Amino acid sequence: MDFVVDGAKRMQGMIDGLLEYSRVDTDGDPMEPTPVGEVVSDVRDDLAVRIDDADATLTVDSLPTLDTAAETAGVDPGSLFLPTYATGSMAGSVSMGARAAELAVFRLSELGYPPTEIMTATGRAPVAPVSYNESVAMARTNDALAYGGEVYLQVREESTVFEEVPSNAREEYGVPFEEIFEEAGWDFYELPESVFAPAKVTIDVVDGDTYVVGETDEELLAESFGLQ
């Protein structure tokens, strides 16, 4: 009962906050620094039941206030938002699928290709079926990128690293992410950065050749997604 009452209070607080924000340019109170640690604490309380059900552990390092993050980014604190969501949610599945182009650019950068030579980047990936088990959700959303993500890049210069951009360039290719994460003890930071890459990348060199590297694996995706 206490949990339900507390949830109702939080909902009322969120509504009050939205109403106050809508009046920010009229008679709202001045913006104040937001301790992100307190926000995380509230989120931890809201997800307490799901964390217990999944037998999960939530570990958080020290976090900045929003005004510190805004100063680092060089933007006004009033225009900075830090969205939070569970990987096991529709927001989690959609936002992870939207990272295909980002991962290709990241891989090129890690391989020494100057990001400033990348003119355009577009991508797509399957939206993984939602699972409220965070471990399953982590595995599915990463499988969606590594075995279903497709990216188109337009770049200025040729390079010998293009073949190393897609996910099939890594030793772990063909292994579902559930197994990869299990071997690493579900510690994201124990994994090599090379495992996070899209499945297939088309690299169009302006006034040069076009490279199509990598491949998708629909069979592995179907197994990961539990498709019958």
Protein backbone atom coordinates (compact mmCIF):
# COMPACT_ATOMS: atom_id res chain seq x y z
CA MET A 1 0.00 0.00 0.00
CA ASP A 2 2.85 2.38 0.88
CA PHE A 3 4.35 1.76 -2.56
CA VAL A 4 1.04 2.62 -4.27
CA VAL A 5 0.60 5.80 -2.23
CA ASP A 6 4.20 6.82 -2.91
CA GLY A 7 3.68 6.23 -6.63
CA ALA A 8 0.57 8.41 -6.62
CA LYS A 9 2.52 11.20 -4.90
CA ARG A 10 5.27 10.95 -7.50
CA MET A 11 2.71 11.13 -10.30
CA GLN A 12 1.19 14.25 -8.73
CA GLY A 13 4.65 15.74 -8.43
CA MET A 14 5.36 15.05 -12.09
CA ILE A 15 2.09 16.70 -13.13
CA ASP A 16 2.84 19.73 -10.95
CA GLY A 17 6.30 19.91 -12.48
CA LEU A 18 4.93 19.84 -16.03
CA LEU A 19 2.43 22.56 -15.20
CA GLU A 20 5.16 24.67 -13.66
CA TYR A 21 7.43 24.13 -16.66
CA SER A 22 4.63 25.21 -19.03
CA ARG A 23 4.64 28.57 -17.24
CA VAL A 24 8.42 28.96 -17.31
CA ASP A 25 8.31 31.89 -19.72
CA THR A 26 5.51 33.64 -17.83
CA ASP A 27 5.48 33.42 -14.07
CA GLY A 28 7.37 30.21 -13.34
CA ASP A 29 10.12 29.95 -10.72
CA PRO A 30 13.77 30.41 -11.80
CA MET A 31 15.61 27.28 -12.98
CA GLU A 32 17.60 25.55 -10.26
CA PRO A 33 20.38 22.91 -10.40
CA THR A 34 18.97 19.39 -10.46
CA PRO A 35 20.87 16.74 -8.46
CA VAL A 36 20.78 13.79 -10.88
CA GLY A 37 21.57 11.43 -8.02
CA GLU A 38 18.23 12.25 -6.43
CA VAL A 39 16.49 11.56 -9.75
CA VAL A 40 18.18 8.15 -9.97
CA SER A 41 17.11 7.42 -6.40
CA ASP A 42 13.49 8.16 -7.33
CA VAL A 43 13.76 5.93 -10.40
CA ARG A 44 15.25 3.14 -8.27
CA ASP A 45 12.26 3.39 -5.93
CA ASP A 46 9.80 3.32 -8.83
CA LEU A 47 11.44 0.23 -10.32
CA ALA A 48 11.95 -1.56 -6.99
CA VAL A 49 9.44 -4.33 -7.73
CA ARG A 50 10.86 -5.05 -11.20
CA ILE A 51 14.42 -4.99 -9.86
CA ASP A 52 13.49 -7.54 -7.19
CA ASP A 53 11.62 -9.72 -9.69
CA ALA A 54 14.66 -9.78 -12.00
CA ASP A 55 17.03 -10.35 -9.06
CA ALA A 56 19.01 -7.41 -10.47
CA THR A 57 21.49 -5.02 -8.94
CA LEU A 58 21.49 -1.34 -9.87
CA THR A 59 24.91 0.28 -9.48
CA VAL A 60 25.34 4.03 -10.03
CA ASP A 61 28.52 6.09 -9.82
CA SER A 62 28.57 9.72 -8.71
CA LEU A 63 26.55 11.89 -11.07
CA PRO A 64 26.69 15.60 -11.97
CA THR A 65 23.93 18.13 -11.57
CA LEU A 66 22.16 19.18 -14.76
CA ASP A 67 23.76 22.62 -14.69
CA THR A 68 27.21 20.97 -14.74
CA ALA A 69 26.22 18.84 -17.73
CA ALA A 70 24.78 21.91 -19.48
CA GLU A 71 28.00 23.87 -18.90
CA THR A 72 30.05 21.02 -20.36
CA ALA A 73 27.77 20.82 -23.41
CA GLY A 74 27.71 24.60 -23.80
CA VAL A 75 23.93 24.88 -23.68
CA ASP A 76 21.41 26.63 -21.44
CA PRO A 77 20.39 24.42 -18.46
CA GLY A 78 16.74 25.09 -19.27
CA SER A 79 17.10 23.34 -22.62
CA LEU A 80 18.84 20.20 -21.30
CA PHE A 81 16.88 16.99 -20.71
CA LEU A 82 18.18 13.62 -19.57
CA PRO A 83 15.58 11.01 -20.55
CA THR A 84 15.65 7.77 -18.61
CA TYR A 85 13.92 4.54 -19.50
CA ALA A 86 14.28 0.82 -19.03
CA THR A 87 15.85 -1.16 -21.85
CA GLY A 88 12.89 -3.50 -21.40
CA SER A 89 10.33 -1.03 -22.72
CA MET A 90 9.09 0.23 -26.07
CA ALA A 91 11.20 3.37 -25.60
CA GLY A 92 14.22 1.16 -24.96
CA SER A 93 13.67 -1.02 -28.03
CA VAL A 94 13.05 1.96 -30.33
CA SER A 95 15.95 4.08 -29.07
CA MET A 96 18.38 1.16 -29.32
CA GLY A 97 17.27 0.41 -32.87
CA ALA A 98 17.86 4.05 -33.75
CA ARG A 99 21.56 3.75 -32.86
CA ALA A 100 22.63 1.82 -35.97
CA ALA A 101 24.13 4.84 -37.76
CA GLU A 102 25.75 6.05 -34.54
CA LEU A 103 27.50 2.70 -34.08
CA ALA A 104 28.89 2.73 -37.63
CA VAL A 105 30.30 6.22 -37.15
CA PHE A 106 31.72 5.17 -33.78
CA ARG A 107 33.39 2.10 -35.28
CA LEU A 108 34.99 4.15 -38.06
CA SER A 109 36.25 6.64 -35.52
CA GLU A 110 37.70 3.88 -33.33
CA LEU A 111 39.45 2.46 -36.40
CA GLY A 112 41.13 5.81 -37.00
CA TYR A 113 38.90 7.23 -39.72
CA PRO A 114 38.30 10.98 -39.10
CA PRO A 115 34.61 11.62 -38.26
CA THR A 116 34.92 14.95 -40.07
CA GLU A 117 35.27 13.00 -43.33
CA ILE A 118 31.80 11.45 -42.86
CA MET A 119 29.27 13.59 -44.72
CA THR A 120 26.00 11.77 -44.02
CA ALA A 121 24.91 8.78 -41.93
CA THR A 122 21.54 7.05 -42.00
CA GLY A 123 20.54 3.71 -40.56
CA ARG A 124 17.78 1.33 -39.56
CA ALA A 125 17.37 -1.75 -37.40
CA PRO A 126 14.53 -4.01 -36.26
CA VAL A 127 12.63 -2.94 -33.16
CA ALA A 128 13.24 -5.76 -30.70
CA PRO A 129 10.17 -7.28 -29.01
CA VAL A 130 9.79 -5.81 -25.53
CA SER A 131 10.76 -7.97 -22.56
CA TYR A 132 10.42 -6.74 -18.98
CA ASN A 133 13.40 -8.92 -18.11
CA GLU A 134 16.26 -6.43 -18.47
CA SER A 135 18.79 -9.14 -19.33
CA VAL A 136 16.65 -10.43 -22.18
CA ALA A 137 15.99 -6.86 -23.32
CA MET A 138 19.71 -6.04 -23.36
CA ALA A 139 20.45 -9.11 -25.45
CA ARG A 140 17.61 -8.60 -27.92
CA THR A 141 18.26 -4.92 -28.56
CA ASN A 142 21.95 -5.53 -29.18
CA ASP A 143 21.16 -8.49 -31.44
CA ALA A 144 18.84 -6.20 -33.40
CA LEU A 145 21.79 -3.94 -34.18
CA ALA A 146 24.53 -6.53 -34.64
CA TYR A 147 22.48 -8.88 -36.82
CA GLY A 148 19.81 -6.62 -38.31
CA GLY A 149 21.21 -3.07 -38.34
CA GLU A 150 21.83 -1.57 -41.78
CA VAL A 151 23.67 1.72 -42.33
CA TYR A 152 24.45 4.00 -45.29
CA LEU A 153 27.43 6.35 -45.00
CA GLN A 154 28.62 8.94 -47.47
CA VAL A 155 32.28 9.80 -46.91
CA ARG A 156 34.96 11.94 -48.55
CA GLU A 157 38.02 9.68 -48.44
CA GLU A 158 38.91 6.07 -49.22
CA SER A 159 40.24 3.86 -46.42
CA THR A 160 41.51 0.36 -45.78
CA VAL A 161 39.42 0.00 -42.58
CA PHE A 162 35.96 -0.22 -44.15
CA GLU A 163 35.91 -4.04 -43.96
CA GLU A 164 36.36 -3.83 -40.18
CA VAL A 165 33.28 -1.69 -39.52
CA PRO A 166 30.41 -4.26 -39.49
CA SER A 167 29.74 -6.78 -36.74
CA ASN A 168 30.94 -9.77 -38.76
CA ALA A 169 34.49 -8.43 -38.50
CA ARG A 170 34.64 -9.49 -34.84
CA GLU A 171 35.46 -12.92 -33.43
CA GLU A 172 32.15 -13.11 -31.57
CA TYR A 173 30.06 -12.81 -34.73
CA GLY A 174 27.31 -15.43 -34.89
CA VAL A 175 26.99 -15.66 -31.10
CA PRO A 176 23.77 -14.24 -29.59
CA PHE A 177 24.37 -11.34 -27.21
CA GLU A 178 22.77 -13.25 -24.37
CA GLU A 179 25.74 -15.62 -24.46
CA ILE A 180 28.23 -12.77 -24.93
CA PHE A 181 26.84 -10.89 -21.91
CA GLU A 182 26.71 -14.05 -19.78
CA GLU A 183 30.37 -14.78 -20.47
CA ALA A 184 31.23 -11.23 -19.39
CA GLY A 185 29.15 -11.56 -16.21
CA TRP A 186 26.66 -9.04 -17.62
CA ASP A 187 29.29 -6.35 -17.17
CA PHE A 188 28.91 -4.03 -20.16
CA TYR A 189 32.38 -2.59 -19.66
CA GLU A 190 34.08 -5.99 -19.82
CA LEU A 191 33.19 -6.33 -23.49
CA PRO A 192 35.46 -5.10 -26.29
CA GLU A 193 34.07 -2.07 -28.12
CA SER A 194 34.25 -3.96 -31.41
CA VAL A 195 31.23 -6.13 -30.49
CA PHE A 196 28.96 -3.10 -30.79
CA ALA A 197 28.54 -2.59 -34.53
CA PRO A 198 25.77 -2.75 -37.14
CA ALA A 199 25.32 -5.85 -39.28
CA LYS A 200 25.66 -4.33 -42.74
CA VAL A 201 27.21 -1.05 -43.87
CA THR A 202 27.20 0.64 -47.27
CA ILE A 203 30.01 3.18 -47.56
CA ASP A 204 29.77 5.55 -50.53
CA VAL A 205 33.02 7.40 -51.21
CA VAL A 206 32.21 10.63 -53.04
CA ASP A 207 33.68 10.51 -56.55
CA GLY A 208 35.03 7.03 -55.70
CA ASP A 209 33.98 3.45 -55.06
CA THR A 210 31.02 2.21 -53.03
CA TYR A 211 31.63 -0.55 -50.49
CA VAL A 212 29.01 -2.93 -49.11
CA VAL A 213 30.39 -4.77 -46.09
CA GLY A 214 28.82 -7.17 -43.61
CA GLU A 215 25.53 -9.04 -43.70
CA THR A 216 22.31 -9.46 -41.74
CA ASP A 217 21.33 -12.71 -40.03
CA GLU A 218 17.54 -13.06 -39.92
CA GLU A 219 17.68 -16.60 -38.56
CA LEU A 220 19.66 -15.55 -35.48
CA LEU A 221 17.36 -12.56 -34.98
CA ALA A 222 14.27 -14.77 -35.11
CA GLU A 223 15.75 -17.02 -32.44
CA SER A 224 16.75 -14.06 -30.27
CA PHE A 225 13.32 -12.44 -30.60
CA GLY A 226 11.52 -15.71 -29.83
CA LEU A 227 9.66 -15.63 -33.13
CA GLN A 228 7.67 -18.78 -33.85
